[in-house]
Protein backbone atom coordinates (compact mmCIF):
# COMPACT_ATOMS: atom_id res chain seq x y z
CA MET A 1 14.02 -7.90 -2.79
CA ILE A 2 10.24 -8.14 -2.51
CA ARG A 3 8.12 -6.04 -4.85
CA LEU A 4 4.38 -5.50 -4.70
CA ARG A 5 2.52 -3.79 -7.52
CA GLY A 6 -1.13 -3.33 -8.18
CA GLN A 7 -4.19 -1.23 -7.64
CA LEU A 8 -6.48 -0.06 -4.91
CA ILE A 9 -9.93 0.21 -6.49
CA CYS A 10 -12.63 2.37 -4.91
CA MET A 11 -16.30 1.63 -5.58
CA THR A 12 -17.74 4.85 -4.14
CA ASP A 13 -16.81 8.48 -3.73
CA GLN A 14 -16.70 7.84 0.02
CA ASP A 15 -14.08 5.11 -0.52
CA ARG A 16 -11.99 7.56 -2.54
CA GLU A 17 -12.27 10.20 0.18
CA THR A 18 -11.25 7.63 2.78
CA VAL A 19 -8.12 6.74 0.80
CA LEU A 20 -7.24 10.40 0.27
CA SER A 21 -7.69 11.23 3.95
CA HIS A 22 -5.41 8.42 5.18
CA VAL A 23 -2.90 7.79 2.40
CA GLN A 24 -0.25 10.36 3.31
CA ASP A 25 0.13 9.09 6.87
CA HIS A 26 0.31 5.51 5.57
CA ILE A 27 3.02 6.45 3.07
CA THR A 28 5.04 8.35 5.70
CA LEU A 29 4.88 5.51 8.23
CA THR A 30 5.76 2.87 5.64
CA ARG A 31 8.73 4.76 4.21
CA ALA A 32 10.15 5.00 7.74
CA GLU A 33 10.07 1.22 8.23
CA PRO A 34 13.40 -0.64 8.26
CA GLY A 35 13.88 -2.40 4.93
CA CYS A 36 11.47 -0.23 2.94
CA LEU A 37 13.21 0.68 -0.32
CA SER A 38 10.29 2.49 -1.95
CA PHE A 39 6.60 2.99 -1.37
CA GLU A 40 4.13 4.85 -3.60
CA ILE A 41 0.36 5.11 -3.76
CA THR A 42 -0.61 7.45 -6.57
CA GLU A 43 -3.77 8.55 -8.30
CA THR A 44 -4.38 7.33 -11.85
CA ASP A 45 -6.40 8.75 -14.74
CA ASP A 46 -9.36 6.90 -13.23
CA PRO A 47 -10.27 8.85 -10.07
CA MET A 48 -11.46 5.64 -8.40
CA THR A 49 -8.19 3.74 -8.91
CA PHE A 50 -4.87 4.23 -7.14
CA GLU A 51 -1.62 2.63 -8.29
CA VAL A 52 0.39 0.93 -5.55
CA MET A 53 4.11 0.19 -5.94
CA GLU A 54 6.30 -0.88 -3.07
CA SER A 55 9.59 -2.66 -2.57
CA PHE A 56 11.29 -4.04 0.51
CA ARG A 57 14.83 -5.29 1.05
CA ASP A 58 13.75 -8.83 1.92
CA ARG A 59 10.85 -11.05 2.96
CA ALA A 60 11.33 -10.26 6.67
CA SER A 61 10.99 -6.50 5.99
CA PHE A 62 7.90 -7.06 3.87
CA ASP A 63 6.32 -9.35 6.47
CA ALA A 64 6.99 -6.78 9.22
CA HIS A 65 5.31 -4.13 7.05
CA GLN A 66 2.28 -6.36 6.53
CA ALA A 67 2.00 -7.01 10.28
CA ARG A 68 2.21 -3.30 11.10
CA THR A 69 -0.29 -2.43 8.41
CA ARG A 70 -2.87 -4.96 9.65
CA ASP A 71 -2.92 -3.11 12.99
CA SER A 72 -2.99 0.39 11.48
CA VAL A 73 -5.58 3.13 11.12
CA TRP A 74 -5.03 2.84 7.35
CA PHE A 75 -6.10 -0.80 7.25
CA ALA A 76 -9.04 -0.27 9.59
CA ALA A 77 -10.33 2.52 7.32
CA THR A 78 -9.62 0.85 3.96
CA ARG A 79 -9.94 -2.89 4.59
CA HIS A 80 -13.17 -3.07 2.54
CA ILE A 81 -11.64 -1.44 -0.55
CA LEU A 82 -10.74 -3.83 -3.36
CA ARG A 83 -7.03 -4.60 -3.74
CA ASP A 84 -5.56 -6.19 -6.85
CA PHE A 85 -1.88 -6.82 -6.08
CA ARG A 86 0.92 -8.97 -7.46
CA LEU A 87 3.87 -9.92 -5.29
CA GLU A 88 7.24 -10.85 -6.73
CA GLU A 89 10.57 -11.83 -5.28
CA VAL A 90 13.52 -10.37 -7.20
CA GLY A 91 17.09 -11.60 -6.82
CA ASP A 92 18.40 -13.93 -4.16
């Protein structure tokens, strides 16, 4: 299993509005991907920071997700927003 955890950190109110306007579609599309076990982007106590937690069955599923995301509306809109993520492989 591949797990990614971290934060999406907005620097401006406009960044936050961009995340909020696109996040639900991104979550819905990702959860429908083959191999997606869980996917959450949630607000934190800091209104400019979102917690990101995702897990995929294997490296191939995760890599397919990354490829799809790079070509998505989500990425085009949020590519400039700071991401602080840690990736870990769990199990075999």
